[in-house]
Amino acid sequence: MFLNKILMIGDSFGTERRHGDEIEVSAAKTWPRQVQRMLPNQQFDIDFKGFRRLADCPALLPAKEPYDVLLFQAGIVDVYPRPFPLGFSKSMRLFCRLVRRAVRPWRREWTNYVYSTTWSSQAELQTTFESIDSLSQNAIVVFVTLAPLHKPHALATPGAQESIMDFNDELRHQVRQRDNWFIIDLHAQAIKEGYSHFISPIDSHLNQTGNDWLAKMVATKIQDLKATMDTSTTKVA
């Protein structure tokens, strides 16, 4: 296997980051685009979209061409505690919009004392892993763990940091079960190195420094996998 065709797919952590008129991370400087430039001899398909769940990804794969590597960076949309279910949160009905607007200033209190849910259940995520497995029998699969939240955001949404850690633990468990699955442990490295300078205080996404850092981690992992395709390949970056 030469690992020439690579799909990188995920959520808004791979997209341009804007705050009003200010661009914090331009499209050209996002980590997927940087990886593409770092590895010019590989063919990349880059597919990132805001509010995309990991659970949405398997349905997108059959329409795409076969790849040597499938790299997923998603999950926060699935497991982040929400004040309303997915359908209610996305509904454009006037009633739903008014309720969401009324609750917004009291999000912490609402999710702590009234109602909190996630947009993907544990059963949905288990099915997602099984679907990815069945669709990737002839490919290498790489997952990027979820980054920790900036502390004020973690305090504003009770249980969010814990949900991220639980998801990452499950991701590590799933990877250990399969010989062709690998992990880039962004979360562990961020905790180890002190993550405040990698994470935007505005939206807890990767800032430019974080994008640069993750790009190097991903490019290195792909190069390592390309160079060593035997059982001695390191499974954790």
Protein backbone atom coordinates (compact mmCIF):
# COMPACT_ATOMS: atom_id res chain seq x y z
CA MET A 1 0.00 0.00 0.00
CA PHE A 2 1.51 3.32 -1.08
CA LEU A 3 -0.86 5.69 0.77
CA ASN A 4 -1.12 8.09 -2.14
CA LYS A 5 -4.82 8.98 -1.93
CA ILE A 6 -5.89 10.54 1.35
CA LEU A 7 -9.27 11.82 2.52
CA MET A 8 -9.30 14.28 5.41
CA ILE A 9 -12.84 14.80 6.65
CA GLY A 10 -14.40 16.46 9.66
CA ASP A 11 -16.04 19.45 11.25
CA SER A 12 -15.32 23.16 11.66
CA PHE A 13 -11.91 22.51 13.25
CA GLY A 14 -10.63 22.19 9.68
CA THR A 15 -12.28 25.33 8.31
CA GLU A 16 -11.47 29.02 8.17
CA ARG A 17 -12.09 30.81 11.46
CA ARG A 18 -13.68 34.27 11.40
CA HIS A 19 -14.74 36.49 14.27
CA GLY A 20 -16.74 39.36 12.84
CA ASP A 21 -14.56 41.02 10.23
CA GLU A 22 -11.37 39.50 11.64
CA ILE A 23 -9.92 36.32 10.15
CA GLU A 24 -8.13 34.37 12.86
CA VAL A 25 -7.25 31.41 10.60
CA SER A 26 -7.50 31.83 6.82
CA ALA A 27 -8.60 28.93 4.62
CA ALA A 28 -5.09 28.60 3.20
CA LYS A 29 -3.59 28.33 6.69
CA THR A 30 -5.95 25.74 8.14
CA TRP A 31 -4.21 22.54 9.18
CA PRO A 32 -5.64 20.41 6.31
CA ARG A 33 -4.37 22.83 3.67
CA GLN A 34 -1.00 23.02 5.37
CA VAL A 35 -0.74 19.21 5.36
CA GLN A 36 -1.57 19.23 1.65
CA ARG A 37 1.33 21.59 0.99
CA MET A 38 3.69 19.68 3.27
CA LEU A 39 3.08 16.44 1.36
CA PRO A 40 2.88 17.51 -2.30
CA ASN A 41 3.32 13.96 -3.64
CA GLN A 42 0.08 12.74 -2.04
CA GLN A 43 -3.41 13.24 -3.49
CA PHE A 44 -5.71 14.87 -0.94
CA ASP A 45 -9.46 15.27 -0.76
CA ILE A 46 -10.35 17.80 1.95
CA ASP A 47 -13.93 17.87 3.25
CA PHE A 48 -14.67 19.88 6.40
CA LYS A 49 -17.95 21.49 7.37
CA GLY A 50 -19.33 23.27 10.41
CA PHE A 51 -21.74 21.35 12.68
CA ARG A 52 -20.85 18.02 11.06
CA ARG A 53 -21.09 15.07 13.39
CA LEU A 54 -18.77 12.10 13.22
CA ALA A 55 -22.02 10.14 12.94
CA ASP A 56 -22.70 11.94 9.63
CA CYS A 57 -19.42 10.86 8.03
CA PRO A 58 -20.03 7.20 7.08
CA ALA A 59 -22.96 8.17 4.83
CA LEU A 60 -20.63 10.49 2.90
CA LEU A 61 -17.98 7.87 2.16
CA PRO A 62 -19.69 5.63 -0.46
CA ALA A 63 -20.08 8.58 -2.83
CA LYS A 64 -16.36 9.26 -2.68
CA GLU A 65 -13.63 7.38 -4.51
CA PRO A 66 -11.58 4.71 -2.69
CA TYR A 67 -8.79 6.10 -0.53
CA ASP A 68 -5.63 4.68 0.95
CA VAL A 69 -6.05 6.76 4.12
CA LEU A 70 -9.22 8.04 5.80
CA LEU A 71 -8.44 10.71 8.39
CA PHE A 72 -11.28 11.83 10.65
CA GLN A 73 -11.26 14.95 12.80
CA ALA A 74 -14.76 15.13 14.25
CA GLY A 75 -16.78 14.28 17.33
CA ILE A 76 -17.24 17.54 19.24
CA VAL A 77 -20.61 18.14 17.53
CA ASP A 78 -21.68 14.64 18.59
CA VAL A 79 -20.78 14.80 22.28
CA TYR A 80 -20.94 18.48 23.31
CA PRO A 81 -23.74 19.01 25.86
CA ARG A 82 -26.60 20.92 24.24
CA PRO A 83 -29.63 22.68 25.70
CA PHE A 84 -31.90 21.15 23.03
CA PRO A 85 -32.02 18.06 20.79
CA LEU A 86 -30.61 18.23 17.27
CA GLY A 87 -33.94 18.70 15.49
CA PHE A 88 -35.08 21.49 17.81
CA SER A 89 -31.67 23.20 17.63
CA LYS A 90 -31.72 23.33 13.84
CA SER A 91 -35.41 24.07 13.36
CA MET A 92 -36.27 27.39 11.72
CA ARG A 93 -39.80 27.42 13.17
CA LEU A 94 -40.53 30.69 14.95
CA PHE A 95 -41.35 28.97 18.24
CA CYS A 96 -38.04 27.08 18.28
CA ARG A 97 -36.07 30.18 17.41
CA LEU A 98 -37.74 32.21 20.19
CA VAL A 99 -37.09 29.52 22.79
CA ARG A 100 -33.45 29.19 21.77
CA ARG A 101 -33.00 32.96 21.97
CA ALA A 102 -34.63 33.10 25.42
CA VAL A 103 -32.45 30.31 26.81
CA ARG A 104 -29.16 31.55 25.32
CA PRO A 105 -28.24 33.95 28.20
CA TRP A 106 -28.99 31.19 30.71
CA ARG A 107 -27.30 28.31 28.91
CA ARG A 108 -25.20 27.23 31.89
CA GLU A 109 -28.16 27.18 34.27
CA TRP A 110 -30.41 25.51 31.70
CA THR A 111 -27.98 22.68 30.90
CA ASN A 112 -27.12 22.24 34.57
CA TYR A 113 -30.62 22.22 36.05
CA VAL A 114 -33.25 21.95 33.32
CA TYR A 115 -32.15 19.91 30.33
CA SER A 116 -28.98 18.74 28.61
CA THR A 117 -28.44 16.32 25.76
CA THR A 118 -25.96 15.43 23.05
CA TRP A 119 -26.58 15.29 19.33
CA SER A 120 -25.34 11.69 19.03
CA SER A 121 -26.10 8.90 21.46
CA GLN A 122 -23.56 6.29 22.56
CA ALA A 123 -25.42 3.75 20.41
CA GLU A 124 -25.16 6.03 17.37
CA LEU A 125 -21.44 6.48 17.90
CA GLN A 126 -20.91 2.73 18.26
CA THR A 127 -22.77 2.22 14.98
CA THR A 128 -20.63 4.94 13.43
CA PHE A 129 -17.40 3.16 14.38
CA GLU A 130 -18.75 -0.11 13.02
CA SER A 131 -19.76 1.58 9.76
CA ILE A 132 -16.35 3.19 9.33
CA ASP A 133 -14.76 -0.19 9.98
CA SER A 134 -16.84 -1.92 7.32
CA LEU A 135 -16.13 0.85 4.79
CA SER A 136 -12.36 0.89 5.40
CA GLN A 137 -11.25 -2.73 5.11
CA ASN A 138 -8.69 -1.81 2.44
CA ALA A 139 -7.61 1.51 3.93
CA ILE A 140 -5.72 2.99 6.83
CA VAL A 141 -7.95 4.93 9.24
CA VAL A 142 -6.59 7.77 11.37
CA PHE A 143 -8.53 9.63 14.05
CA VAL A 144 -7.60 12.94 15.68
CA THR A 145 -8.77 13.19 19.29
CA LEU A 146 -10.82 16.20 20.35
CA ALA A 147 -8.99 19.21 21.72
CA PRO A 148 -9.77 20.43 25.25
CA LEU A 149 -11.99 23.45 25.70
CA HIS A 150 -10.72 26.84 26.74
CA LYS A 151 -11.44 26.99 30.48
CA PRO A 152 -14.14 29.73 30.41
CA HIS A 153 -16.08 27.72 27.82
CA ALA A 154 -15.77 24.58 29.91
CA LEU A 155 -17.17 26.44 32.91
CA ALA A 156 -20.01 27.86 30.80
CA THR A 157 -21.14 24.38 29.71
CA PRO A 158 -21.17 21.90 32.59
CA GLY A 159 -19.99 18.45 31.59
CA ALA A 160 -18.47 19.51 28.27
CA GLN A 161 -14.84 18.89 29.20
CA GLU A 162 -15.79 15.52 30.68
CA SER A 163 -17.74 14.56 27.53
CA ILE A 164 -14.65 15.33 25.44
CA MET A 165 -12.43 13.18 27.63
CA ASP A 166 -14.94 10.30 27.59
CA PHE A 167 -15.18 10.45 23.79
CA ASN A 168 -11.40 10.47 23.44
CA ASP A 169 -11.13 7.45 25.75
CA GLU A 170 -13.66 5.61 23.60
CA LEU A 171 -11.77 6.62 20.46
CA ARG A 172 -8.54 5.21 21.88
CA HIS A 173 -10.38 2.02 22.78
CA GLN A 174 -11.81 1.65 19.26
CA VAL A 175 -8.37 2.18 17.71
CA ARG A 176 -6.78 -0.48 19.90
CA GLN A 177 -9.27 -3.04 18.57
CA ARG A 178 -8.17 -2.72 14.93
CA ASP A 179 -4.81 -3.18 13.26
CA ASN A 180 -5.52 -0.66 10.47
CA TRP A 181 -6.71 2.15 12.78
CA PHE A 182 -4.36 4.74 14.23
CA ILE A 183 -4.66 7.82 16.39
CA ILE A 184 -3.19 11.29 16.59
CA ASP A 185 -3.73 12.17 20.23
CA LEU A 186 -4.16 15.92 20.00
CA HIS A 187 -5.85 16.06 23.39
CA ALA A 188 -3.05 14.27 25.27
CA GLN A 189 -0.37 16.38 23.62
CA ALA A 190 -2.31 19.60 24.28
CA ILE A 191 -2.68 18.77 27.97
CA LYS A 192 0.99 17.83 28.19
CA GLU A 193 2.25 21.03 26.55
CA GLY A 194 -0.25 23.47 28.04
CA TYR A 195 -3.02 24.12 25.59
CA SER A 196 -4.05 27.72 26.26
CA HIS A 197 -1.78 29.06 23.52
CA PHE A 198 -3.18 26.57 20.97
CA ILE A 199 -6.88 27.28 21.60
CA SER A 200 -8.82 30.43 20.72
CA PRO A 201 -10.40 32.07 23.80
CA ILE A 202 -13.27 33.18 21.56
CA ASP A 203 -14.63 29.83 20.37
CA SER A 204 -12.30 27.08 21.71
CA HIS A 205 -11.23 26.17 18.17
CA LEU A 206 -7.59 25.90 17.20
CA ASN A 207 -5.98 29.28 16.65
CA GLN A 208 -3.26 29.77 14.06
CA THR A 209 -0.61 28.34 16.36
CA GLY A 210 -2.85 25.33 16.99
CA ASN A 211 -3.44 24.80 13.27
CA ASP A 212 0.29 24.96 12.58
CA TRP A 213 0.94 22.48 15.38
CA LEU A 214 -1.72 19.98 14.29
CA ALA A 215 -0.59 20.20 10.66
CA LYS A 216 2.88 19.06 11.68
CA MET A 217 1.46 16.21 13.75
CA VAL A 218 -0.75 14.98 10.89
CA ALA A 219 1.96 15.28 8.24
CA THR A 220 4.42 13.41 10.46
CA LYS A 221 1.91 10.64 11.11
CA ILE A 222 1.20 10.17 7.40
CA GLN A 223 4.91 10.10 6.62
CA ASP A 224 5.49 7.52 9.37
CA LEU A 225 2.66 5.33 8.10
CA LYS A 226 3.92 5.61 4.55
CA ALA A 227 7.43 4.62 5.59
CA THR A 228 6.47 1.76 7.87
CA MET A 229 3.51 -0.41 6.94
CA ASP A 230 4.19 -3.36 9.23
CA THR A 231 3.02 -4.37 12.70
CA SER A 232 5.73 -2.28 14.35
CA THR A 233 4.07 0.97 13.24
CA THR A 234 3.50 3.21 16.26
CA LYS A 235 -0.24 3.53 16.88
CA VAL A 236 -0.16 6.75 18.92
CA ALA A 237 1.44 9.98 17.72
